[in-house]
Each structure stands twice: as C-alpha cells, then as structure tokens.
C-alpha cells in the first residue's frame, strides 16, 4: 500500500500548545478579532456521523 495523502489538502492542523499575549506582533494589515465577555459558557459538541447536537450549559 502506498499512501501519499491521508488528510484533505484544506485540512487545518491542530493548535497543540497555544500561547496568549497582551500584544500582537504580526503584520499591521492583519485582521484581528478581540472579544470581551461578561459571562462564560461551557460548550459540548457531539457528532454522530452527521447528526450534530450543540448546546450551551
């Protein structure tokens, strides 16, 4: 068996060890989204082969 591609070309790799900073040192023309929230929610996601359930706790 000769497997050359195991994920789709548009697959996005996981972020395994993110870092968070107070400032952004990227290019000035990058689009950045910043959110400030008053209340936090936990989200649970379940995927049963096409039947998705999404709820807020």
PDB file of N, CA and C in Angstrom:
ATOM      1  N   UNK A   1       0.844  -1.171   0.000  1.00  0.00           N
ATOM      2  CA  UNK A   1       0.000   0.000   0.000  1.00  0.00           C
ATOM      3  C   UNK A   1       0.891   1.236   0.000  1.00  0.00           C
ATOM      4  N   UNK A   2       0.578   2.179  -0.857  1.00  0.00           N
ATOM      5  CA  UNK A   2       1.350   3.407  -0.948  1.00  0.00           C
ATOM      6  C   UNK A   2       0.422   4.583  -0.653  1.00  0.00           C
ATOM      7  N   UNK A   3       0.437   5.066   0.566  1.00  0.00           N
ATOM      8  CA  UNK A   3      -0.427   6.179   0.969  1.00  0.00           C
ATOM      9  C   UNK A   3       0.386   7.461   0.915  1.00  0.00           C
ATOM     10  N   UNK A   4      -0.064   8.389   0.104  1.00  0.00           N
ATOM     11  CA  UNK A   4       0.656   9.652  -0.033  1.00  0.00           C
ATOM     12  C   UNK A   4      -0.058  10.809   0.645  1.00  0.00           C
ATOM     13  N   UNK A   5      -1.352  10.719   0.768  1.00  0.00           N
ATOM     14  CA  UNK A   5      -2.110  11.812   1.379  1.00  0.00           C
ATOM     15  C   UNK A   5      -3.193  11.202   2.266  1.00  0.00           C
ATOM     16  N   UNK A   6      -3.138  11.484   3.553  1.00  0.00           N
ATOM     17  CA  UNK A   6      -4.101  10.891   4.477  1.00  0.00           C
ATOM     18  C   UNK A   6      -5.116  11.899   4.993  1.00  0.00           C
ATOM     19  N   UNK A   7      -4.896  13.180   4.749  1.00  0.00           N
ATOM     20  CA  UNK A   7      -5.867  14.208   5.123  1.00  0.00           C
ATOM     21  C   UNK A   7      -6.137  15.084   3.909  1.00  0.00           C
ATOM     22  N   UNK A   8      -7.293  15.745   3.857  1.00  0.00           N
ATOM     23  CA  UNK A   8      -7.587  16.621   2.726  1.00  0.00           C
ATOM     24  C   UNK A   8      -6.586  17.773   2.629  1.00  0.00           C
ATOM     25  N   UNK A   9      -6.436  18.317   1.450  1.00  0.00           N
ATOM     26  CA  UNK A   9      -5.495  19.419   1.243  1.00  0.00           C
ATOM     27  C   UNK A   9      -5.847  20.652   2.058  1.00  0.00           C
ATOM     28  N   UNK A  10      -7.143  20.868   2.326  1.00  0.00           N
ATOM     29  CA  UNK A  10      -7.551  22.056   3.074  1.00  0.00           C
ATOM     30  C   UNK A  10      -7.631  21.810   4.578  1.00  0.00           C
ATOM     31  N   UNK A  11      -7.125  20.696   5.057  1.00  0.00           N
ATOM     32  CA  UNK A  11      -7.168  20.390   6.489  1.00  0.00           C
ATOM     33  C   UNK A  11      -6.296  21.386   7.254  1.00  0.00           C
ATOM     34  N   UNK A  12      -6.804  21.839   8.369  1.00  0.00           N
ATOM     35  CA  UNK A  12      -6.080  22.788   9.207  1.00  0.00           C
ATOM     36  C   UNK A  12      -5.465  22.010  10.365  1.00  0.00           C
ATOM     37  N   UNK A  13      -4.167  22.138  10.592  1.00  0.00           N
ATOM     38  CA  UNK A  13      -3.549  21.402  11.687  1.00  0.00           C
ATOM     39  C   UNK A  13      -4.035  21.907  13.044  1.00  0.00           C
ATOM     40  N   UNK A  14      -4.007  21.031  14.030  1.00  0.00           N
ATOM     41  CA  UNK A  14      -4.453  21.412  15.364  1.00  0.00           C
ATOM     42  C   UNK A  14      -3.449  22.355  16.018  1.00  0.00           C
ATOM     43  N   UNK A  15      -3.947  23.152  16.942  1.00  0.00           N
ATOM     44  CA  UNK A  15      -3.098  24.019  17.749  1.00  0.00           C
ATOM     45  C   UNK A  15      -2.877  23.281  19.063  1.00  0.00           C
ATOM     46  N   UNK A  16      -1.712  22.678  19.210  1.00  0.00           N
ATOM     47  CA  UNK A  16      -1.456  21.810  20.351  1.00  0.00           C
ATOM     48  C   UNK A  16      -0.971  22.547  21.593  1.00  0.00           C
ATOM     49  N   UNK A  17      -0.259  23.639  21.417  1.00  0.00           N
ATOM     50  CA  UNK A  17       0.304  24.353  22.565  1.00  0.00           C
ATOM     51  C   UNK A  17       0.193  25.857  22.318  1.00  0.00           C
ATOM     52  N   UNK A  18      -1.024  26.424  22.428  1.00  0.00           N
ATOM     53  CA  UNK A  18      -1.196  27.845  22.107  1.00  0.00           C
ATOM     54  C   UNK A  18      -0.543  28.745  23.156  1.00  0.00           C
ATOM     55  N   UNK A  19      -0.168  29.936  22.732  1.00  0.00           N
ATOM     56  CA  UNK A  19       0.333  30.950  23.656  1.00  0.00           C
ATOM     57  C   UNK A  19      -0.528  32.192  23.499  1.00  0.00           C
ATOM     58  N   UNK A  20      -0.750  32.878  24.593  1.00  0.00           N
ATOM     59  CA  UNK A  20      -1.582  34.074  24.595  1.00  0.00           C
ATOM     60  C   UNK A  20      -0.753  35.241  25.112  1.00  0.00           C
ATOM     61  N   UNK A  21      -0.844  36.371  24.420  1.00  0.00           N
ATOM     62  CA  UNK A  21      -0.075  37.547  24.803  1.00  0.00           C
ATOM     63  C   UNK A  21      -0.984  38.764  24.852  1.00  0.00           C
ATOM     64  N   UNK A  22      -0.498  39.822  25.444  1.00  0.00           N
ATOM     65  CA  UNK A  22      -1.258  41.072  25.536  1.00  0.00           C
ATOM     66  C   UNK A  22      -1.187  41.871  24.237  1.00  0.00           C
ATOM     67  N   UNK A  23      -0.157  41.654  23.435  1.00  0.00           N
ATOM     68  CA  UNK A  23       0.020  42.406  22.193  1.00  0.00           C
ATOM     69  C   UNK A  23       0.173  41.443  21.023  1.00  0.00           C
ATOM     70  N   UNK A  24      -0.024  41.976  19.807  1.00  0.00           N
ATOM     71  CA  UNK A  24       0.125  41.191  18.584  1.00  0.00           C
ATOM     72  C   UNK A  24       1.281  41.760  17.787  1.00  0.00           C
ATOM     73  N   UNK A  25       2.250  40.933  17.467  1.00  0.00           N
ATOM     74  CA  UNK A  25       3.444  41.390  16.764  1.00  0.00           C
ATOM     75  C   UNK A  25       3.419  41.067  15.277  1.00  0.00           C
ATOM     76  N   UNK A  26       2.260  40.698  14.748  1.00  0.00           N
ATOM     77  CA  UNK A  26       2.151  40.350  13.339  1.00  0.00           C
ATOM     78  C   UNK A  26       2.082  41.583  12.449  1.00  0.00           C
ATOM     79  N   UNK A  27       1.857  41.384  11.150  1.00  0.00           N
ATOM     80  CA  UNK A  27       1.766  42.494  10.200  1.00  0.00           C
ATOM     81  C   UNK A  27       0.633  43.459  10.561  1.00  0.00           C
ATOM     82  N   UNK A  28       0.830  44.742  10.269  1.00  0.00           N
ATOM     83  CA  UNK A  28      -0.165  45.770  10.598  1.00  0.00           C
ATOM     84  C   UNK A  28      -1.475  45.585   9.852  1.00  0.00           C
ATOM     85  N   UNK A  29      -1.457  44.936   8.680  1.00  0.00           N
ATOM     86  CA  UNK A  29      -2.687  44.792   7.902  1.00  0.00           C
ATOM     87  C   UNK A  29      -3.433  43.489   8.201  1.00  0.00           C
ATOM     88  N   UNK A  30      -2.981  42.707   9.185  1.00  0.00           N
ATOM     89  CA  UNK A  30      -3.710  41.505   9.595  1.00  0.00           C
ATOM     90  C   UNK A  30      -5.032  41.882  10.251  1.00  0.00           C
ATOM     91  N   UNK A  31      -6.050  41.058  10.022  1.00  0.00           N
ATOM     92  CA  UNK A  31      -7.340  41.263  10.677  1.00  0.00           C
ATOM     93  C   UNK A  31      -7.339  40.490  11.990  1.00  0.00           C
ATOM     94  N   UNK A  32      -7.675  41.170  13.075  1.00  0.00           N
ATOM     95  CA  UNK A  32      -7.664  40.572  14.400  1.00  0.00           C
ATOM     96  C   UNK A  32      -9.025  40.783  15.038  1.00  0.00           C
ATOM     97  N   UNK A  33      -9.553  39.750  15.682  1.00  0.00           N
ATOM     98  CA  UNK A  33     -10.823  39.846  16.391  1.00  0.00           C
ATOM     99  C   UNK A  33     -10.528  39.794  17.882  1.00  0.00           C
ATOM    100  N   UNK A  34     -11.069  40.747  18.616  1.00  0.00           N
ATOM    101  CA  UNK A  34     -10.898  40.785  20.063  1.00  0.00           C
ATOM    102  C   UNK A  34     -12.271  40.807  20.711  1.00  0.00           C
ATOM    103  N   UNK A  35     -12.485  39.949  21.700  1.00  0.00           N
ATOM    104  CA  UNK A  35     -13.773  39.867  22.382  1.00  0.00           C
ATOM    105  C   UNK A  35     -13.594  40.080  23.875  1.00  0.00           C
ATOM    106  N   UNK A  36     -14.555  40.779  24.457  1.00  0.00           N
ATOM    107  CA  UNK A  36     -14.640  40.906  25.905  1.00  0.00           C
ATOM    108  C   UNK A  36     -16.031  40.449  26.296  1.00  0.00           C
ATOM    109  N   UNK A  37     -16.113  39.457  27.161  1.00  0.00           N
ATOM    110  CA  UNK A  37     -17.411  38.902  27.539  1.00  0.00           C
ATOM    111  C   UNK A  37     -17.623  39.053  29.039  1.00  0.00           C
ATOM    112  N   UNK A  38     -18.895  39.165  29.425  1.00  0.00           N
ATOM    113  CA  UNK A  38     -19.241  39.284  30.834  1.00  0.00           C
ATOM    114  C   UNK A  38     -19.496  37.928  31.477  1.00  0.00           C
ATOM    115  N   UNK A  39     -19.892  36.944  30.670  1.00  0.00           N
ATOM    116  CA  UNK A  39     -20.243  35.635  31.206  1.00  0.00           C
ATOM    117  C   UNK A  39     -19.668  34.548  30.297  1.00  0.00           C
ATOM    118  N   UNK A  40     -19.088  33.526  30.894  1.00  0.00           N
ATOM    119  CA  UNK A  40     -18.509  32.430  30.128  1.00  0.00           C
ATOM    120  C   UNK A  40     -19.432  31.229  30.138  1.00  0.00           C
ATOM    121  N   UNK A  41     -19.434  30.480  29.045  1.00  0.00           N
ATOM    122  CA  UNK A  41     -20.269  29.295  28.904  1.00  0.00           C
ATOM    123  C   UNK A  41     -19.400  28.111  28.517  1.00  0.00           C
ATOM    124  N   UNK A  42     -19.800  26.938  28.954  1.00  0.00           N
ATOM    125  CA  UNK A  42     -19.152  25.700  28.513  1.00  0.00           C
ATOM    126  C   UNK A  42     -19.964  25.134  27.356  1.00  0.00           C
ATOM    127  N   UNK A  43     -19.288  24.685  26.318  1.00  0.00           N
ATOM    128  CA  UNK A  43     -19.946  24.129  25.146  1.00  0.00           C
ATOM    129  C   UNK A  43     -19.593  22.656  25.024  1.00  0.00           C
ATOM    130  N   UNK A  44     -20.573  21.854  24.732  1.00  0.00           N
ATOM    131  CA  UNK A  44     -20.340  20.442  24.438  1.00  0.00           C
ATOM    132  C   UNK A  44     -20.734  20.196  22.985  1.00  0.00           C
ATOM    133  N   UNK A  45     -19.928  19.449  22.280  1.00  0.00           N
ATOM    134  CA  UNK A  45     -20.175  19.178  20.863  1.00  0.00           C
ATOM    135  C   UNK A  45     -20.157  17.675  20.655  1.00  0.00           C
ATOM    136  N   UNK A  46     -21.171  17.178  19.966  1.00  0.00           N
ATOM    137  CA  UNK A  46     -21.255  15.748  19.691  1.00  0.00           C
ATOM    138  C   UNK A  46     -21.546  15.544  18.216  1.00  0.00           C
ATOM    139  N   UNK A  47     -20.828  14.649  17.609  1.00  0.00           N
ATOM    140  CA  UNK A  47     -21.014  14.373  16.186  1.00  0.00           C
ATOM    141  C   UNK A  47     -21.272  12.881  16.016  1.00  0.00           C
ATOM    142  N   UNK A  48     -22.501  12.538  15.658  1.00  0.00           N
ATOM    143  CA  UNK A  48     -22.872  11.144  15.413  1.00  0.00           C
ATOM    144  C   UNK A  48     -23.017  10.910  13.913  1.00  0.00           C
ATOM    145  N   UNK A  49     -21.915  11.044  13.206  1.00  0.00           N
ATOM    146  CA  UNK A  49     -21.893  10.799  11.763  1.00  0.00           C
ATOM    147  C   UNK A  49     -22.953  11.610  11.035  1.00  0.00           C
ATOM    148  N   UNK A  50     -22.955  12.908  11.249  1.00  0.00           N
ATOM    149  CA  UNK A  50     -23.876  13.783  10.534  1.00  0.00           C
ATOM    150  C   UNK A  50     -25.005  14.317  11.386  1.00  0.00           C
ATOM    151  N   UNK A  51     -25.255  13.749  12.543  1.00  0.00           N
ATOM    152  CA  UNK A  51     -26.284  14.259  13.438  1.00  0.00           C
ATOM    153  C   UNK A  51     -25.587  15.024  14.546  1.00  0.00           C
ATOM    154  N   UNK A  52     -25.588  16.347  14.439  1.00  0.00           N
ATOM    155  CA  UNK A  52     -24.856  17.177  15.385  1.00  0.00           C
ATOM    156  C   UNK A  52     -25.785  17.716  16.462  1.00  0.00           C
ATOM    157  N   UNK A  53     -25.344  17.693  17.681  1.00  0.00           N
ATOM    158  CA  UNK A  53     -26.074  18.289  18.796  1.00  0.00           C
ATOM    159  C   UNK A  53     -25.185  19.366  19.402  1.00  0.00           C
ATOM    160  N   UNK A  54     -25.720  20.540  19.576  1.00  0.00           N
ATOM    161  CA  UNK A  54     -24.960  21.664  20.106  1.00  0.00           C
ATOM    162  C   UNK A  54     -25.779  22.308  21.201  1.00  0.00           C
ATOM    163  N   UNK A  55     -25.225  22.415  22.387  1.00  0.00           N
ATOM    164  CA  UNK A  55     -25.973  23.018  23.476  1.00  0.00           C
ATOM    165  C   UNK A  55     -25.049  23.799  24.394  1.00  0.00           C
ATOM    166  N   UNK A  56     -25.637  24.778  25.061  1.00  0.00           N
ATOM    167  CA  UNK A  56     -24.898  25.647  25.968  1.00  0.00           C
ATOM    168  C   UNK A  56     -25.266  25.278  27.388  1.00  0.00           C
ATOM    169  N   UNK A  57     -24.277  25.155  28.257  1.00  0.00           N
ATOM    170  CA  UNK A  57     -24.535  24.800  29.642  1.00  0.00           C
ATOM    171  C   UNK A  57     -24.291  25.952  30.569  1.00  0.00           C
TER     172      UNK A  57
END
